[in-house]
N, C-alpha and C. Protein backbone atom coordinates (compact mmCIF):
# COMPACT_ATOMS: atom_id res chain seq x y z
N ILE A 1 0.84 -1.18 0.00
CA ILE A 1 0.00 0.00 0.00
C ILE A 1 0.88 1.24 0.00
N SER A 2 1.98 1.19 0.69
CA SER A 2 2.90 2.32 0.66
C SER A 2 3.44 2.55 -0.74
N PHE A 3 3.60 1.46 -1.48
CA PHE A 3 4.05 1.55 -2.86
C PHE A 3 3.02 2.30 -3.71
N LEU A 4 1.72 2.01 -3.50
CA LEU A 4 0.67 2.73 -4.22
C LEU A 4 0.66 4.21 -3.86
N ASP A 5 0.91 4.49 -2.60
CA ASP A 5 0.98 5.88 -2.17
C ASP A 5 2.12 6.61 -2.87
N LYS A 6 3.26 5.97 -2.96
CA LYS A 6 4.41 6.61 -3.62
C LYS A 6 4.20 6.75 -5.13
N LEU A 7 3.37 5.90 -5.71
CA LEU A 7 3.10 6.00 -7.15
C LEU A 7 2.02 7.01 -7.48
N THR A 8 1.20 7.39 -6.52
CA THR A 8 0.08 8.28 -6.81
C THR A 8 0.24 9.68 -6.22
N VAL A 9 0.52 9.77 -4.94
CA VAL A 9 0.55 11.07 -4.27
C VAL A 9 1.81 11.85 -4.62
N GLN A 10 2.96 11.23 -4.47
CA GLN A 10 4.23 11.94 -4.66
C GLN A 10 4.41 12.49 -6.08
N PRO A 11 4.14 11.72 -7.14
CA PRO A 11 4.32 12.30 -8.48
C PRO A 11 3.39 13.47 -8.76
N LEU A 12 2.16 13.39 -8.25
CA LEU A 12 1.24 14.49 -8.49
C LEU A 12 1.67 15.74 -7.74
N ILE A 13 2.18 15.60 -6.53
CA ILE A 13 2.68 16.76 -5.80
C ILE A 13 3.90 17.34 -6.51
N GLN A 14 4.79 16.48 -6.99
CA GLN A 14 6.01 16.96 -7.64
C GLN A 14 5.72 17.61 -8.99
N ASN A 15 4.72 17.11 -9.71
CA ASN A 15 4.41 17.67 -11.02
C ASN A 15 3.36 18.76 -10.97
N SER A 16 2.84 19.06 -9.80
CA SER A 16 1.80 20.09 -9.71
C SER A 16 2.35 21.48 -9.99
N ALA A 17 3.64 21.68 -9.83
CA ALA A 17 4.22 23.00 -10.14
C ALA A 17 4.04 23.34 -11.61
N LEU A 18 4.39 22.41 -12.46
CA LEU A 18 4.24 22.64 -13.89
C LEU A 18 2.78 22.77 -14.28
N LEU A 19 1.92 21.96 -13.67
CA LEU A 19 0.49 22.07 -13.96
C LEU A 19 -0.08 23.40 -13.51
N MET A 20 0.35 23.88 -12.35
CA MET A 20 -0.14 25.18 -11.86
C MET A 20 0.32 26.32 -12.76
N GLN A 21 1.55 26.23 -13.23
CA GLN A 21 2.07 27.30 -14.07
C GLN A 21 1.39 27.33 -15.43
N THR A 22 1.17 26.18 -16.02
CA THR A 22 0.59 26.16 -17.36
C THR A 22 -0.92 26.29 -17.36
N LYS A 23 -1.61 25.66 -16.42
CA LYS A 23 -3.07 25.67 -16.44
C LYS A 23 -3.67 26.91 -15.79
N TYR A 24 -3.04 27.40 -14.71
CA TYR A 24 -3.62 28.51 -13.95
C TYR A 24 -2.83 29.80 -14.06
N ASN A 25 -1.76 29.80 -14.84
CA ASN A 25 -0.93 31.00 -15.06
C ASN A 25 -0.38 31.59 -13.77
N ILE A 26 0.01 30.74 -12.85
CA ILE A 26 0.54 31.19 -11.57
C ILE A 26 2.06 31.30 -11.69
N SER A 27 2.61 32.32 -11.06
CA SER A 27 4.05 32.54 -11.14
C SER A 27 4.82 31.44 -10.43
N LEU A 28 6.11 31.39 -10.69
CA LEU A 28 6.96 30.35 -10.10
C LEU A 28 7.03 30.47 -8.58
N ASP A 29 7.09 31.69 -8.06
CA ASP A 29 7.14 31.89 -6.60
C ASP A 29 5.85 31.43 -5.93
N ALA A 30 4.72 31.81 -6.50
CA ALA A 30 3.43 31.40 -5.92
C ALA A 30 3.23 29.91 -6.04
N THR A 31 3.72 29.33 -7.12
CA THR A 31 3.61 27.89 -7.30
C THR A 31 4.40 27.15 -6.22
N GLY A 32 5.56 27.66 -5.86
CA GLY A 32 6.34 27.05 -4.79
C GLY A 32 5.60 27.05 -3.47
N SER A 33 4.88 28.13 -3.19
CA SER A 33 4.08 28.18 -1.96
C SER A 33 2.92 27.20 -2.01
N ILE A 34 2.31 27.06 -3.18
CA ILE A 34 1.17 26.15 -3.32
C ILE A 34 1.63 24.70 -3.19
N ILE A 35 2.79 24.39 -3.72
CA ILE A 35 3.30 23.02 -3.62
C ILE A 35 3.61 22.66 -2.17
N ALA A 36 3.93 23.64 -1.36
CA ALA A 36 4.23 23.38 0.04
C ALA A 36 2.97 23.09 0.87
N LEU A 37 1.80 23.38 0.33
CA LEU A 37 0.56 23.18 1.10
C LEU A 37 0.33 21.73 1.54
N PRO A 38 0.51 20.71 0.70
CA PRO A 38 0.29 19.34 1.21
C PRO A 38 1.21 18.98 2.38
N TYR A 39 2.44 19.46 2.33
CA TYR A 39 3.37 19.18 3.42
C TYR A 39 3.02 19.98 4.67
N LEU A 40 2.50 21.19 4.50
CA LEU A 40 2.04 21.99 5.64
C LEU A 40 0.83 21.33 6.29
N VAL A 41 -0.10 20.86 5.47
CA VAL A 41 -1.27 20.14 6.00
C VAL A 41 -0.82 18.89 6.75
N PHE A 42 0.16 18.18 6.19
CA PHE A 42 0.69 16.99 6.87
C PHE A 42 1.30 17.36 8.21
N PHE A 43 2.06 18.44 8.24
CA PHE A 43 2.72 18.88 9.48
C PHE A 43 1.69 19.22 10.56
N VAL A 44 0.60 19.86 10.16
CA VAL A 44 -0.41 20.29 11.13
C VAL A 44 -1.30 19.13 11.59
N LEU A 45 -1.67 18.24 10.68
CA LEU A 45 -2.66 17.22 11.00
C LEU A 45 -2.11 15.84 11.37
N ALA A 46 -0.82 15.61 11.22
CA ALA A 46 -0.28 14.26 11.42
C ALA A 46 -0.47 13.76 12.85
N VAL A 47 -0.12 14.55 13.82
CA VAL A 47 -0.22 14.09 15.22
C VAL A 47 -1.67 13.94 15.67
N PRO A 48 -2.55 14.95 15.45
CA PRO A 48 -3.93 14.75 15.89
C PRO A 48 -4.63 13.59 15.19
N LEU A 49 -4.43 13.46 13.88
CA LEU A 49 -5.06 12.34 13.17
C LEU A 49 -4.44 11.01 13.57
N GLY A 50 -3.15 11.00 13.85
CA GLY A 50 -2.51 9.77 14.31
C GLY A 50 -3.09 9.29 15.62
N ILE A 51 -3.32 10.20 16.53
CA ILE A 51 -3.94 9.84 17.81
C ILE A 51 -5.36 9.34 17.60
N CYS A 52 -6.12 10.04 16.75
CA CYS A 52 -7.50 9.61 16.47
C CYS A 52 -7.54 8.24 15.81
N PHE A 53 -6.66 8.00 14.84
CA PHE A 53 -6.67 6.72 14.14
C PHE A 53 -6.20 5.59 15.04
N ASP A 54 -5.29 5.87 15.97
CA ASP A 54 -4.87 4.84 16.91
C ASP A 54 -6.02 4.45 17.84
N LYS A 55 -6.86 5.41 18.21
CA LYS A 55 -8.01 5.11 19.06
C LYS A 55 -9.14 4.49 18.26
N TYR A 56 -9.33 4.93 17.01
CA TYR A 56 -10.41 4.44 16.16
C TYR A 56 -10.16 3.00 15.75
N GLY A 57 -8.98 2.72 15.24
CA GLY A 57 -8.55 1.36 14.99
C GLY A 57 -8.94 0.71 13.69
N HIS A 58 -9.86 1.23 12.93
CA HIS A 58 -10.29 0.62 11.68
C HIS A 58 -9.38 1.09 10.55
N ARG A 59 -8.21 0.49 10.46
CA ARG A 59 -7.20 0.96 9.51
C ARG A 59 -7.56 0.68 8.06
N LEU A 60 -8.18 -0.45 7.78
CA LEU A 60 -8.52 -0.77 6.40
C LEU A 60 -9.57 0.19 5.85
N SER A 61 -10.62 0.46 6.62
CA SER A 61 -11.64 1.39 6.14
C SER A 61 -11.08 2.81 6.04
N THR A 62 -10.18 3.16 6.94
CA THR A 62 -9.54 4.48 6.86
C THR A 62 -8.66 4.57 5.64
N MET A 63 -7.96 3.50 5.31
CA MET A 63 -7.10 3.47 4.12
C MET A 63 -7.93 3.59 2.85
N ILE A 64 -9.04 2.88 2.80
CA ILE A 64 -9.93 2.96 1.64
C ILE A 64 -10.47 4.37 1.51
N PHE A 65 -10.87 4.99 2.61
CA PHE A 65 -11.35 6.37 2.59
C PHE A 65 -10.26 7.31 2.08
N GLY A 66 -9.03 7.08 2.51
CA GLY A 66 -7.92 7.92 2.05
C GLY A 66 -7.69 7.82 0.56
N PHE A 67 -7.75 6.61 0.01
CA PHE A 67 -7.54 6.46 -1.43
C PHE A 67 -8.73 6.97 -2.23
N VAL A 68 -9.94 6.91 -1.68
CA VAL A 68 -11.10 7.52 -2.35
C VAL A 68 -10.92 9.04 -2.39
N LEU A 69 -10.46 9.62 -1.29
CA LEU A 69 -10.18 11.05 -1.29
C LEU A 69 -9.08 11.40 -2.29
N LEU A 70 -8.11 10.53 -2.43
CA LEU A 70 -7.05 10.76 -3.41
C LEU A 70 -7.61 10.79 -4.82
N MET A 71 -8.48 9.86 -5.13
CA MET A 71 -9.09 9.86 -6.45
C MET A 71 -9.93 11.11 -6.68
N ILE A 72 -10.66 11.52 -5.66
CA ILE A 72 -11.47 12.74 -5.78
C ILE A 72 -10.59 13.96 -6.00
N SER A 73 -9.49 14.05 -5.26
CA SER A 73 -8.61 15.21 -5.42
C SER A 73 -7.97 15.23 -6.81
N GLN A 74 -7.59 14.07 -7.34
CA GLN A 74 -7.00 14.04 -8.67
C GLN A 74 -8.01 14.39 -9.74
N VAL A 75 -9.24 13.91 -9.60
CA VAL A 75 -10.29 14.25 -10.57
C VAL A 75 -10.61 15.73 -10.51
N LEU A 76 -10.71 16.28 -9.30
CA LEU A 76 -10.95 17.72 -9.17
C LEU A 76 -9.82 18.54 -9.77
N PHE A 77 -8.60 18.08 -9.56
CA PHE A 77 -7.45 18.79 -10.09
C PHE A 77 -7.46 18.80 -11.61
N LEU A 78 -7.86 17.70 -12.20
CA LEU A 78 -7.88 17.61 -13.66
C LEU A 78 -9.12 18.23 -14.28
N GLN A 79 -10.22 18.31 -13.54
CA GLN A 79 -11.47 18.81 -14.09
C GLN A 79 -11.68 20.31 -13.91
N THR A 80 -10.88 20.95 -13.10
CA THR A 80 -11.04 22.39 -12.95
C THR A 80 -10.66 23.06 -14.26
N SER A 81 -11.40 24.09 -14.59
CA SER A 81 -11.17 24.74 -15.88
C SER A 81 -9.91 25.60 -15.84
N ALA A 82 -9.25 25.68 -16.97
CA ALA A 82 -8.04 26.49 -17.09
C ALA A 82 -8.42 27.97 -17.14
N CYS A 83 -7.49 28.82 -16.75
CA CYS A 83 -7.72 30.25 -16.80
C CYS A 83 -7.73 30.73 -18.24
N LYS A 84 -8.52 31.72 -18.49
CA LYS A 84 -8.64 32.25 -19.85
C LYS A 84 -7.93 33.59 -19.96
N ASP A 85 -7.45 33.89 -21.12
CA ASP A 85 -6.84 35.18 -21.46
C ASP A 85 -5.67 35.56 -20.56
N GLY A 86 -4.91 34.59 -20.11
CA GLY A 86 -3.72 34.88 -19.33
C GLY A 86 -3.98 35.34 -17.91
N GLN A 87 -5.21 35.21 -17.42
CA GLN A 87 -5.52 35.61 -16.06
C GLN A 87 -4.97 34.58 -15.08
N VAL A 88 -4.68 35.04 -13.89
CA VAL A 88 -4.22 34.14 -12.83
C VAL A 88 -5.43 33.73 -12.01
N CYS A 89 -5.61 32.43 -11.83
CA CYS A 89 -6.70 31.95 -10.99
C CYS A 89 -6.16 30.87 -10.07
N TYR A 90 -6.78 30.76 -8.92
CA TYR A 90 -6.30 29.85 -7.87
C TYR A 90 -7.30 28.73 -7.62
N GLU A 91 -7.93 28.22 -8.65
CA GLU A 91 -8.91 27.17 -8.49
C GLU A 91 -8.27 25.82 -8.17
N GLY A 92 -6.99 25.68 -8.38
CA GLY A 92 -6.32 24.42 -8.12
C GLY A 92 -5.82 24.25 -6.71
N ILE A 93 -6.07 25.23 -5.85
CA ILE A 93 -5.56 25.14 -4.47
C ILE A 93 -6.34 24.12 -3.65
N PHE A 94 -7.67 24.08 -3.80
CA PHE A 94 -8.46 23.13 -3.02
C PHE A 94 -8.07 21.67 -3.29
N PRO A 95 -7.91 21.25 -4.55
CA PRO A 95 -7.46 19.87 -4.76
C PRO A 95 -6.08 19.58 -4.17
N VAL A 96 -5.21 20.58 -4.14
CA VAL A 96 -3.88 20.39 -3.55
C VAL A 96 -3.99 20.21 -2.04
N ILE A 97 -4.86 20.98 -1.39
CA ILE A 97 -5.08 20.83 0.05
C ILE A 97 -5.73 19.47 0.34
N LEU A 98 -6.68 19.07 -0.50
CA LEU A 98 -7.31 17.76 -0.34
C LEU A 98 -6.29 16.64 -0.53
N MET A 99 -5.35 16.85 -1.42
CA MET A 99 -4.28 15.88 -1.61
C MET A 99 -3.40 15.80 -0.36
N GLY A 100 -3.19 16.94 0.30
CA GLY A 100 -2.43 16.94 1.55
C GLY A 100 -3.15 16.18 2.64
N ILE A 101 -4.47 16.34 2.72
CA ILE A 101 -5.25 15.59 3.71
C ILE A 101 -5.18 14.09 3.41
N THR A 102 -5.24 13.76 2.13
CA THR A 102 -5.11 12.36 1.73
C THR A 102 -3.74 11.81 2.11
N PHE A 103 -2.71 12.62 1.89
CA PHE A 103 -1.35 12.24 2.23
C PHE A 103 -1.23 11.94 3.72
N VAL A 104 -1.87 12.76 4.55
CA VAL A 104 -1.85 12.54 5.99
C VAL A 104 -2.58 11.24 6.35
N ILE A 105 -3.77 11.05 5.80
CA ILE A 105 -4.57 9.88 6.15
C ILE A 105 -3.84 8.59 5.78
N VAL A 106 -3.29 8.55 4.57
CA VAL A 106 -2.63 7.33 4.12
C VAL A 106 -1.35 7.07 4.92
N GLN A 107 -0.54 8.08 5.13
CA GLN A 107 0.72 7.89 5.84
C GLN A 107 0.50 7.53 7.31
N VAL A 108 -0.45 8.19 7.96
CA VAL A 108 -0.71 7.91 9.37
C VAL A 108 -1.32 6.52 9.54
N THR A 109 -2.11 6.10 8.57
CA THR A 109 -2.70 4.77 8.64
C THR A 109 -1.65 3.68 8.42
N ILE A 110 -0.75 3.91 7.47
CA ILE A 110 0.28 2.92 7.18
C ILE A 110 1.26 2.80 8.34
N TYR A 111 1.77 3.93 8.78
CA TYR A 111 2.80 3.95 9.82
C TYR A 111 2.17 4.38 11.14
N SER A 112 1.64 3.42 11.87
CA SER A 112 0.96 3.74 13.12
C SER A 112 1.97 4.26 14.15
N GLY A 113 1.48 5.14 15.01
CA GLY A 113 2.37 5.79 15.96
C GLY A 113 2.68 4.97 17.18
N VAL A 114 1.67 4.38 17.79
CA VAL A 114 1.89 3.69 19.05
C VAL A 114 1.50 2.24 18.94
């Protein structure tokens, strides 16, 4: 399952810079900040979600929920409309944040804390 995570989440995060620049006309500096969002979400939510998942205990259903969220975030990322006439739009930020939440759920479920 960790292998699937590395094949799906990491490449999309790494290639989102180019997608943000070409699809949403966002500058290189702003793109760098947007790419940092999944890792920021992971930093903020890892410990609280880890504690909750250790108490909840249903790791398989949590893992399935995480991969469903991953599919939703990827579909949202690909289905958002591109900016027109060279305008800058930030419609791709929500799927990136959702991808960060997915990253937290999958990683915390795979690597249990206690």
